[in-house]
Amino acid sequence: MKRRFSTYALLSAGLVLVVLPFVWTLLTSFKPETEIRRDPPEFLPTQWTLGNYGELLEKMNITQVFVNSAVVALATVAGNLLFCSMVGYAFAKMAFRGKNVLFALVLTQMALPAIVVMIPQFVLIAKLGLVNTFLGIILPGLVTPLGIFLMRQFIADIPDELIHAARVDGAKEFRIFFRIVMPLCKPALATLGLITFLGSWNNFLWPAVVAQSEDRYTLPVALAIFNGYQGTQYGLLIAGAVVVVLPVLVLFVFLQRFFTQGIASTGLK
């Protein structure tokens, strides 16, 4: 009993440390600017206001950039769910020459910082004429090494007998993939979808490089540029941060069961 109490106390303390910054940010978004700048700061607002959100809607085209972020994030998620699953299936259940070498290259890509490949990617996007387009923002993220690795690890645990039986019955690879493999990969797909959405939704550097007009800005880019134009207005920035975080938080609440199961099933501890 004492050990269990200690475990719960330790976990509760960790939960408070994780949740407290978000709670403080949420409460601060309802404070007026003068109260936010007060020293020492107060945890709870003494004067509740929605002025920060109203001013954010008034001064920044929040609807447009929110839609832009949603389009980029959803397209990136869809691409990863489809293409990473296909590549993972090929690595896990198909035999072809050079498979181990190619998979080693995928693992090597996971170790490379994103900034290393950013310049070659931008040169390629520019030569394709996709600068300042949604496709230019989306294209480099449609397939990721982490997604391939995660799906390969999960699909490898699907019994080979199931695949062989479908082949004996005359099913082609695409039918096996879409009718048998994909329905069994729901936990891994939910995990990959959540990870990809989080990365794409919060991505700042690549959209900032490719998007060159306001109608192509995503939320992180628009908030950074808005801050530069308006000066440091903490109330607007914190309200914008809440707007950025809430969709990810809601998505995680709905997918947390699949996320936990997917992480456990793929060996990512």
Protein backbone atom coordinates (compact mmCIF):
# COMPACT_ATOMS: atom_id res chain seq x y z
CA MET A 1 0.00 0.00 0.00
CA LYS A 2 2.82 2.41 0.87
CA ARG A 3 4.60 1.67 -2.42
CA ARG A 4 1.38 2.21 -4.37
CA PHE A 5 0.78 5.53 -2.61
CA SER A 6 4.34 6.64 -3.44
CA THR A 7 3.83 5.68 -7.09
CA TYR A 8 0.56 7.61 -7.33
CA ALA A 9 2.11 10.62 -5.58
CA LEU A 10 5.07 10.63 -7.98
CA LEU A 11 2.81 10.30 -11.02
CA SER A 12 0.52 13.04 -9.72
CA ALA A 13 3.47 15.37 -9.26
CA GLY A 14 4.62 14.63 -12.80
CA LEU A 15 1.11 15.28 -14.11
CA VAL A 16 0.99 18.66 -12.36
CA LEU A 17 4.36 19.65 -13.83
CA VAL A 18 3.17 18.72 -17.33
CA VAL A 19 -0.32 20.26 -17.15
CA LEU A 20 0.48 23.40 -15.16
CA PRO A 21 2.12 25.38 -18.02
CA PHE A 22 -0.88 24.80 -20.28
CA VAL A 23 -3.34 25.74 -17.52
CA TRP A 24 -1.36 28.90 -16.84
CA THR A 25 -1.33 29.76 -20.56
CA LEU A 26 -5.08 29.19 -20.84
CA LEU A 27 -5.84 31.36 -17.81
CA THR A 28 -3.44 34.07 -18.96
CA SER A 29 -5.21 34.30 -22.31
CA PHE A 30 -8.22 35.67 -20.40
CA LYS A 31 -6.22 38.42 -18.69
CA PRO A 32 -5.92 42.02 -19.97
CA GLU A 33 -2.46 43.12 -21.13
CA THR A 34 -1.80 45.22 -18.03
CA GLU A 35 -2.48 42.25 -15.75
CA ILE A 36 -0.26 39.95 -17.83
CA ARG A 37 2.66 42.38 -17.40
CA ARG A 38 2.10 42.71 -13.66
CA ASP A 39 5.08 41.86 -11.46
CA PRO A 40 4.82 39.56 -9.64
CA PRO A 41 2.30 37.75 -11.86
CA GLU A 42 -0.92 36.26 -10.52
CA PHE A 43 -2.04 32.76 -11.41
CA LEU A 44 -5.79 33.46 -11.66
CA PRO A 45 -7.16 36.44 -13.61
CA THR A 46 -8.59 39.17 -11.41
CA GLN A 47 -10.43 40.62 -14.40
CA TRP A 48 -11.66 38.02 -16.91
CA THR A 49 -11.81 39.17 -20.53
CA LEU A 50 -12.20 37.77 -24.05
CA GLY A 51 -10.52 40.85 -25.45
CA ASN A 52 -7.36 39.02 -26.50
CA TYR A 53 -9.32 36.60 -28.66
CA GLY A 54 -11.46 39.37 -30.10
CA GLU A 55 -8.42 41.46 -30.95
CA LEU A 56 -6.73 38.41 -32.47
CA LEU A 57 -9.72 37.87 -34.76
CA GLU A 58 -9.83 41.56 -35.62
CA LYS A 59 -6.15 42.18 -36.36
CA MET A 60 -5.19 38.87 -37.94
CA ASN A 61 -7.04 36.83 -40.54
CA ILE A 62 -7.21 33.93 -38.11
CA THR A 63 -9.86 32.04 -40.09
CA GLN A 64 -7.72 31.97 -43.24
CA VAL A 65 -4.53 30.85 -41.52
CA PHE A 66 -6.46 28.28 -39.47
CA VAL A 67 -7.87 26.79 -42.68
CA ASN A 68 -4.38 26.87 -44.24
CA SER A 69 -2.93 24.97 -41.28
CA ALA A 70 -5.78 22.46 -41.40
CA VAL A 71 -5.34 21.84 -45.15
CA VAL A 72 -1.58 21.35 -44.79
CA ALA A 73 -1.86 19.15 -41.69
CA LEU A 74 -4.68 16.95 -42.99
CA ALA A 75 -3.03 16.46 -46.39
CA THR A 76 0.26 15.57 -44.70
CA VAL A 77 -1.50 13.10 -42.39
CA ALA A 78 -3.35 11.47 -45.30
CA GLY A 79 -0.13 11.11 -47.29
CA ASN A 80 1.73 9.55 -44.37
CA LEU A 81 -1.08 7.14 -43.52
CA LEU A 82 -1.18 5.87 -47.11
CA PHE A 83 2.42 5.98 -48.31
CA CYS A 84 4.16 5.06 -45.06
CA SER A 85 1.80 2.10 -44.71
CA MET A 86 2.58 0.97 -48.25
CA VAL A 87 6.34 1.21 -47.72
CA GLY A 88 6.07 -0.41 -44.30
CA TYR A 89 4.08 -3.28 -45.80
CA ALA A 90 6.71 -3.78 -48.50
CA PHE A 91 9.52 -3.88 -45.94
CA ALA A 92 7.63 -6.17 -43.57
CA LYS A 93 5.92 -8.71 -45.87
CA MET A 94 7.52 -8.60 -49.32
CA ALA A 95 10.84 -10.03 -50.46
CA PHE A 96 12.93 -8.02 -52.92
CA ARG A 97 16.60 -7.38 -53.59
CA GLY A 98 18.23 -4.70 -51.46
CA LYS A 99 15.42 -4.55 -48.88
CA ASN A 100 17.75 -4.49 -45.87
CA VAL A 101 19.95 -1.82 -47.44
CA LEU A 102 16.97 0.39 -48.22
CA PHE A 103 15.57 -0.03 -44.73
CA ALA A 104 18.96 0.90 -43.28
CA LEU A 105 18.85 4.08 -45.37
CA VAL A 106 15.42 4.86 -43.93
CA LEU A 107 16.79 4.45 -40.40
CA THR A 108 19.72 6.69 -41.32
CA GLN A 109 17.29 9.39 -42.43
CA MET A 110 15.76 9.33 -38.95
CA ALA A 111 19.12 10.41 -37.51
CA LEU A 112 19.54 13.39 -39.84
CA PRO A 113 18.41 16.82 -38.59
CA ALA A 114 15.69 18.33 -40.77
CA ILE A 115 17.82 21.42 -41.43
CA VAL A 116 20.38 19.27 -43.28
CA VAL A 117 17.97 18.41 -46.10
CA MET A 118 16.06 21.69 -46.10
CA ILE A 119 18.22 23.47 -48.70
CA PRO A 120 18.11 20.59 -51.23
CA GLN A 121 14.37 20.32 -50.66
CA PHE A 122 13.84 24.02 -51.26
CA VAL A 123 15.95 23.92 -54.45
CA LEU A 124 13.84 21.02 -55.71
CA ILE A 125 10.57 22.75 -54.79
CA ALA A 126 11.76 25.94 -56.52
CA LYS A 127 12.71 24.06 -59.71
CA LEU A 128 9.26 22.45 -59.72
CA GLY A 129 7.67 25.91 -59.46
CA LEU A 130 5.95 25.09 -56.16
CA VAL A 131 7.24 27.98 -54.02
CA ASN A 132 4.37 29.80 -52.28
CA THR A 133 1.94 26.93 -52.90
CA PHE A 134 0.25 24.53 -50.53
CA LEU A 135 1.68 21.61 -52.50
CA GLY A 136 5.17 22.98 -51.94
CA ILE A 137 4.54 23.09 -48.19
CA ILE A 138 2.97 19.62 -48.09
CA LEU A 139 5.12 17.61 -50.51
CA PRO A 140 8.31 17.09 -48.40
CA GLY A 141 6.27 15.76 -45.48
CA LEU A 142 4.08 13.26 -47.33
CA VAL A 143 6.39 10.37 -46.36
CA THR A 144 8.55 10.34 -43.23
CA PRO A 145 11.21 7.86 -42.05
CA LEU A 146 9.57 7.64 -38.61
CA GLY A 147 6.24 6.77 -40.23
CA ILE A 148 7.83 4.05 -42.36
CA PHE A 149 9.61 2.58 -39.35
CA LEU A 150 6.50 2.64 -37.17
CA MET A 151 4.30 0.98 -39.79
CA ARG A 152 6.94 -1.59 -40.69
CA GLN A 153 7.28 -2.62 -37.04
CA PHE A 154 3.54 -2.96 -36.59
CA ILE A 155 2.85 -4.79 -39.86
CA ALA A 156 5.71 -7.22 -39.16
CA ASP A 157 3.67 -8.57 -36.22
CA ILE A 158 0.72 -9.48 -38.46
CA PRO A 159 0.83 -13.29 -38.95
CA ASP A 160 2.42 -14.30 -42.25
CA GLU A 161 -0.13 -17.10 -42.55
CA LEU A 162 -2.88 -14.52 -42.99
CA ILE A 163 -1.04 -12.93 -45.92
CA HIS A 164 -0.14 -16.29 -47.48
CA ALA A 165 -3.74 -17.51 -47.23
CA ALA A 166 -4.98 -14.42 -49.05
CA ARG A 167 -2.39 -14.93 -51.79
CA VAL A 168 -3.38 -18.58 -52.18
CA ASP A 169 -6.99 -17.47 -52.61
CA GLY A 170 -5.86 -15.28 -55.52
CA ALA A 171 -5.88 -11.87 -53.83
CA LYS A 172 -3.49 -9.33 -55.32
CA GLU A 173 -1.12 -7.28 -53.18
CA PHE A 174 -3.23 -4.12 -53.29
CA ARG A 175 -6.32 -6.02 -52.19
CA ILE A 176 -4.40 -7.71 -49.38
CA PHE A 177 -3.05 -4.35 -48.30
CA PHE A 178 -6.36 -2.47 -48.29
CA ARG A 179 -8.72 -5.27 -47.20
CA ILE A 180 -6.57 -7.16 -44.67
CA VAL A 181 -3.52 -5.19 -43.54
CA MET A 182 -4.96 -1.69 -43.20
CA PRO A 183 -7.95 -2.68 -41.01
CA LEU A 184 -5.55 -4.46 -38.65
CA CYS A 185 -3.33 -1.37 -38.37
CA LYS A 186 -5.80 0.99 -36.70
CA PRO A 187 -3.70 1.53 -33.53
CA ALA A 188 -0.54 2.21 -35.56
CA LEU A 189 -2.42 4.44 -38.00
CA ALA A 190 -3.90 6.46 -35.13
CA THR A 191 -0.45 6.84 -33.58
CA LEU A 192 1.13 7.87 -36.88
CA GLY A 193 -1.74 10.24 -37.64
CA LEU A 194 -1.43 11.98 -34.28
CA ILE A 195 2.37 12.29 -34.47
CA THR A 196 2.20 13.58 -38.05
CA PHE A 197 -0.61 16.03 -37.32
CA LEU A 198 1.26 17.40 -34.31
CA GLY A 199 4.46 17.86 -36.30
CA SER A 200 2.74 19.45 -39.30
CA TRP A 201 0.42 21.68 -37.25
CA ASN A 202 3.31 23.10 -35.21
CA ASN A 203 5.84 23.24 -38.05
CA PHE A 204 7.23 26.74 -38.46
CA LEU A 205 10.51 26.72 -40.37
CA TRP A 206 9.54 24.98 -43.63
CA PRO A 207 6.21 26.86 -44.14
CA ALA A 208 8.04 30.10 -43.31
CA VAL A 209 10.55 29.38 -46.07
CA VAL A 210 8.07 28.26 -48.75
CA ALA A 211 5.03 30.47 -48.01
CA GLN A 212 5.73 33.99 -49.23
CA SER A 213 2.30 35.63 -49.10
CA GLU A 214 -0.30 36.04 -46.36
CA ASP A 215 -2.84 33.77 -48.06
CA ARG A 216 -0.39 30.83 -47.68
CA TYR A 217 0.69 31.39 -44.07
CA THR A 218 0.02 28.69 -41.49
CA LEU A 219 -0.78 29.52 -37.87
CA PRO A 220 2.78 29.43 -36.43
CA VAL A 221 4.10 31.56 -39.31
CA ALA A 222 1.23 34.05 -39.11
CA LEU A 223 1.63 34.45 -35.33
CA ALA A 224 5.38 35.03 -35.62
CA ILE A 225 4.98 37.63 -38.38
CA PHE A 226 2.04 39.24 -36.58
CA ASN A 227 4.20 39.59 -33.47
CA GLY A 228 6.90 41.26 -35.53
CA TYR A 229 4.47 43.79 -37.00
CA GLN A 230 2.58 44.59 -33.81
CA GLY A 231 5.40 44.48 -31.28
CA THR A 232 5.31 42.21 -28.26
CA GLN A 233 1.68 41.94 -27.20
CA TYR A 234 1.68 39.00 -24.83
CA GLY A 235 -2.08 38.71 -24.59
CA LEU A 236 -2.46 38.24 -28.35
CA LEU A 237 0.47 35.83 -28.53
CA ILE A 238 -0.86 33.69 -25.68
CA ALA A 239 -4.36 33.67 -27.16
CA GLY A 240 -2.84 32.59 -30.48
CA ALA A 241 -0.86 29.86 -28.73
CA VAL A 242 -4.08 28.51 -27.19
CA VAL A 243 -5.72 28.49 -30.64
CA VAL A 244 -2.74 26.51 -31.98
CA VAL A 245 -2.71 23.97 -29.13
CA LEU A 246 -6.43 23.24 -28.73
CA PRO A 247 -6.97 21.19 -31.97
CA VAL A 248 -4.03 18.94 -31.09
CA LEU A 249 -5.29 18.52 -27.54
CA VAL A 250 -8.81 17.60 -28.70
CA LEU A 251 -7.40 15.15 -31.25
CA PHE A 252 -5.23 13.48 -28.62
CA VAL A 253 -8.17 13.10 -26.22
CA PHE A 254 -10.13 11.19 -28.87
CA LEU A 255 -7.18 9.08 -30.07
CA GLN A 256 -5.27 8.49 -26.83
CA ARG A 257 -6.40 4.84 -26.52
CA PHE A 258 -5.17 4.02 -30.02
CA PHE A 259 -2.03 6.10 -29.49
CA THR A 260 -1.04 4.16 -26.36
CA GLN A 261 -1.81 0.83 -27.99
CA GLY A 262 0.12 1.76 -31.13
CA ILE A 263 3.22 2.84 -29.20
CA ALA A 264 3.17 -0.39 -27.15
CA SER A 265 2.67 -2.57 -30.23
CA THR A 266 5.54 -1.08 -32.24
CA GLY A 267 8.16 -1.30 -29.51
CA LEU A 268 8.72 2.45 -29.18
CA LYS A 269 9.24 2.77 -25.45
